[in-house]
């Protein structure tokens, strides 16, 4: 049981050393994440449309 207690004591000690982000940093990172997701979604939408048109030009042989 000593090993388990030592593990949790170490985990608690490390948890206290965490530097949490400020509210401003959290909001800034959240905005960056949302913009990144929107840009990626738009790129995938355009690529999907491009390849759909491209593949529609290939005559069906099946």
N, C-alpha and C. Protein backbone atom coordinates (compact mmCIF):
# COMPACT_ATOMS: atom_id res chain seq x y z
N UNK A 1 0.82 -1.20 0.00
CA UNK A 1 0.00 0.00 0.00
C UNK A 1 0.86 1.26 0.00
N UNK A 2 2.10 1.16 0.44
CA UNK A 2 2.99 2.32 0.46
C UNK A 2 3.25 2.86 -0.94
N UNK A 3 3.37 1.97 -1.91
CA UNK A 3 3.63 2.40 -3.28
C UNK A 3 2.45 3.20 -3.82
N UNK A 4 1.25 2.77 -3.49
CA UNK A 4 0.06 3.46 -3.94
C UNK A 4 -0.05 4.84 -3.29
N UNK A 5 0.25 4.92 -2.02
CA UNK A 5 0.23 6.20 -1.32
C UNK A 5 1.29 7.14 -1.87
N UNK A 6 2.46 6.60 -2.16
CA UNK A 6 3.53 7.42 -2.71
C UNK A 6 3.15 7.95 -4.09
N UNK A 7 2.49 7.10 -4.86
CA UNK A 7 2.06 7.52 -6.20
C UNK A 7 1.10 8.71 -6.10
N UNK A 8 0.08 8.58 -5.25
CA UNK A 8 -0.90 9.64 -5.13
C UNK A 8 -0.31 10.89 -4.50
N UNK A 9 0.62 10.73 -3.57
CA UNK A 9 1.29 11.89 -2.98
C UNK A 9 2.08 12.64 -4.05
N UNK A 10 2.76 11.89 -4.92
CA UNK A 10 3.50 12.51 -6.03
C UNK A 10 2.57 13.19 -7.02
N UNK A 11 1.44 12.55 -7.30
CA UNK A 11 0.47 13.12 -8.23
C UNK A 11 -0.10 14.43 -7.68
N UNK A 12 -0.41 14.45 -6.41
CA UNK A 12 -0.94 15.67 -5.79
C UNK A 12 0.11 16.78 -5.80
N UNK A 13 1.35 16.40 -5.52
CA UNK A 13 2.43 17.38 -5.54
C UNK A 13 2.59 17.99 -6.94
N UNK A 14 2.57 17.16 -7.97
CA UNK A 14 2.69 17.66 -9.35
C UNK A 14 1.48 18.50 -9.74
N UNK A 15 0.30 18.11 -9.26
CA UNK A 15 -0.91 18.85 -9.58
C UNK A 15 -0.84 20.27 -9.03
N UNK A 16 -0.22 20.43 -7.89
CA UNK A 16 -0.08 21.76 -7.29
C UNK A 16 0.91 22.63 -8.05
N UNK A 17 1.79 22.03 -8.85
CA UNK A 17 2.79 22.78 -9.60
C UNK A 17 2.28 23.26 -10.95
N UNK A 18 1.06 22.89 -11.29
CA UNK A 18 0.51 23.27 -12.59
C UNK A 18 0.26 24.77 -12.63
N UNK A 19 0.66 25.40 -13.73
CA UNK A 19 0.36 26.81 -13.95
C UNK A 19 -0.82 26.88 -14.91
N UNK A 20 -1.97 27.22 -14.39
CA UNK A 20 -3.17 27.27 -15.20
C UNK A 20 -3.20 28.55 -16.02
N UNK A 21 -3.76 28.48 -17.24
CA UNK A 21 -3.83 29.70 -18.07
C UNK A 21 -4.82 30.71 -17.49
N UNK A 22 -4.57 31.96 -17.81
CA UNK A 22 -5.49 33.01 -17.36
C UNK A 22 -6.74 32.97 -18.23
N UNK A 23 -7.75 33.72 -17.82
CA UNK A 23 -8.99 33.77 -18.59
C UNK A 23 -8.73 34.34 -19.98
N UNK A 24 -7.89 35.36 -20.07
CA UNK A 24 -7.59 35.98 -21.36
C UNK A 24 -6.88 34.98 -22.29
N UNK A 25 -5.95 34.21 -21.74
CA UNK A 25 -5.25 33.21 -22.56
C UNK A 25 -6.21 32.13 -23.04
N UNK A 26 -7.10 31.72 -22.16
CA UNK A 26 -8.07 30.69 -22.53
C UNK A 26 -8.99 31.17 -23.64
N UNK A 27 -9.45 32.40 -23.55
CA UNK A 27 -10.32 32.96 -24.58
C UNK A 27 -9.57 33.10 -25.90
N UNK A 28 -8.32 33.55 -25.84
CA UNK A 28 -7.52 33.72 -27.06
C UNK A 28 -7.30 32.37 -27.75
N UNK A 29 -6.96 31.36 -26.98
CA UNK A 29 -6.72 30.03 -27.56
C UNK A 29 -8.02 29.44 -28.10
N UNK A 30 -9.13 29.68 -27.43
CA UNK A 30 -10.42 29.20 -27.92
C UNK A 30 -10.78 29.85 -29.25
N UNK A 31 -10.52 31.15 -29.37
CA UNK A 31 -10.79 31.85 -30.64
C UNK A 31 -9.93 31.29 -31.77
N UNK A 32 -8.65 31.07 -31.47
CA UNK A 32 -7.75 30.50 -32.49
C UNK A 32 -8.25 29.13 -32.92
N UNK A 33 -8.70 28.33 -31.97
CA UNK A 33 -9.20 26.99 -32.28
C UNK A 33 -10.44 27.06 -33.17
N UNK A 34 -11.36 27.95 -32.85
CA UNK A 34 -12.58 28.08 -33.66
C UNK A 34 -12.24 28.53 -35.07
N UNK A 35 -11.35 29.51 -35.21
CA UNK A 35 -10.95 29.98 -36.54
C UNK A 35 -10.30 28.85 -37.32
N UNK A 36 -9.42 28.09 -36.68
CA UNK A 36 -8.75 26.97 -37.34
C UNK A 36 -9.77 25.93 -37.83
N UNK A 37 -10.75 25.62 -37.00
CA UNK A 37 -11.77 24.64 -37.39
C UNK A 37 -12.60 25.15 -38.56
N UNK A 38 -12.96 26.44 -38.54
CA UNK A 38 -13.75 27.01 -39.64
C UNK A 38 -12.95 27.00 -40.94
N UNK A 39 -11.67 27.37 -40.88
CA UNK A 39 -10.82 27.38 -42.08
C UNK A 39 -10.67 25.95 -42.63
N UNK A 40 -10.40 25.00 -41.77
CA UNK A 40 -10.26 23.61 -42.22
C UNK A 40 -11.56 23.09 -42.83
N UNK A 41 -12.69 23.43 -42.21
CA UNK A 41 -13.98 23.01 -42.74
C UNK A 41 -14.21 23.59 -44.13
N UNK A 42 -13.87 24.86 -44.31
CA UNK A 42 -14.04 25.48 -45.63
C UNK A 42 -13.13 24.82 -46.66
N UNK A 43 -11.89 24.52 -46.28
CA UNK A 43 -10.97 23.87 -47.21
C UNK A 43 -11.48 22.49 -47.62
N UNK A 44 -11.96 21.73 -46.65
CA UNK A 44 -12.50 20.40 -46.97
C UNK A 44 -13.74 20.52 -47.84
N UNK A 45 -14.59 21.51 -47.60
CA UNK A 45 -15.78 21.72 -48.41
C UNK A 45 -15.41 22.03 -49.85
N UNK A 46 -14.44 22.91 -50.04
CA UNK A 46 -14.00 23.27 -51.39
C UNK A 46 -13.35 22.07 -52.08
N UNK A 47 -12.49 21.35 -51.36
CA UNK A 47 -11.84 20.18 -51.94
C UNK A 47 -12.86 19.11 -52.32
N UNK A 48 -13.86 18.90 -51.47
CA UNK A 48 -14.90 17.91 -51.76
C UNK A 48 -15.66 18.30 -53.02
N UNK A 49 -16.02 19.57 -53.13
CA UNK A 49 -16.72 20.03 -54.32
C UNK A 49 -15.87 19.89 -55.56
N UNK A 50 -14.59 20.23 -55.46
CA UNK A 50 -13.68 20.11 -56.59
C UNK A 50 -13.58 18.67 -57.07
N UNK A 51 -13.35 17.75 -56.13
CA UNK A 51 -13.20 16.35 -56.52
C UNK A 51 -14.51 15.73 -56.97
N UNK A 52 -15.63 16.21 -56.45
CA UNK A 52 -16.93 15.72 -56.92
C UNK A 52 -17.14 16.09 -58.39
N UNK A 53 -16.81 17.33 -58.72
CA UNK A 53 -16.94 17.77 -60.12
C UNK A 53 -15.94 17.02 -61.00
N UNK A 54 -14.72 16.86 -60.52
CA UNK A 54 -13.69 16.15 -61.27
C UNK A 54 -14.09 14.70 -61.52
N UNK A 55 -14.57 14.03 -60.51
CA UNK A 55 -14.96 12.63 -60.68
C UNK A 55 -16.22 12.46 -61.49
N UNK A 56 -17.07 13.48 -61.52
CA UNK A 56 -18.27 13.41 -62.34
C UNK A 56 -17.92 13.45 -63.81
N UNK A 57 -16.77 13.98 -64.16
CA UNK A 57 -16.33 14.06 -65.56
C UNK A 57 -15.83 12.72 -66.09
N UNK A 58 -15.50 11.82 -65.19
CA UNK A 58 -15.02 10.49 -65.60
C UNK A 58 -16.24 9.64 -65.95
N UNK A 59 -16.25 9.09 -67.16
CA UNK A 59 -17.39 8.28 -67.55
C UNK A 59 -17.45 6.99 -66.72
N UNK A 60 -18.63 6.62 -66.37
CA UNK A 60 -18.83 5.40 -65.57
C UNK A 60 -18.64 4.18 -66.46
N UNK A 61 -17.78 3.29 -66.04
CA UNK A 61 -17.53 2.08 -66.82
C UNK A 61 -18.10 0.84 -66.14
N UNK A 62 -18.78 1.03 -65.04
CA UNK A 62 -19.32 -0.14 -64.33
C UNK A 62 -20.78 -0.25 -64.52
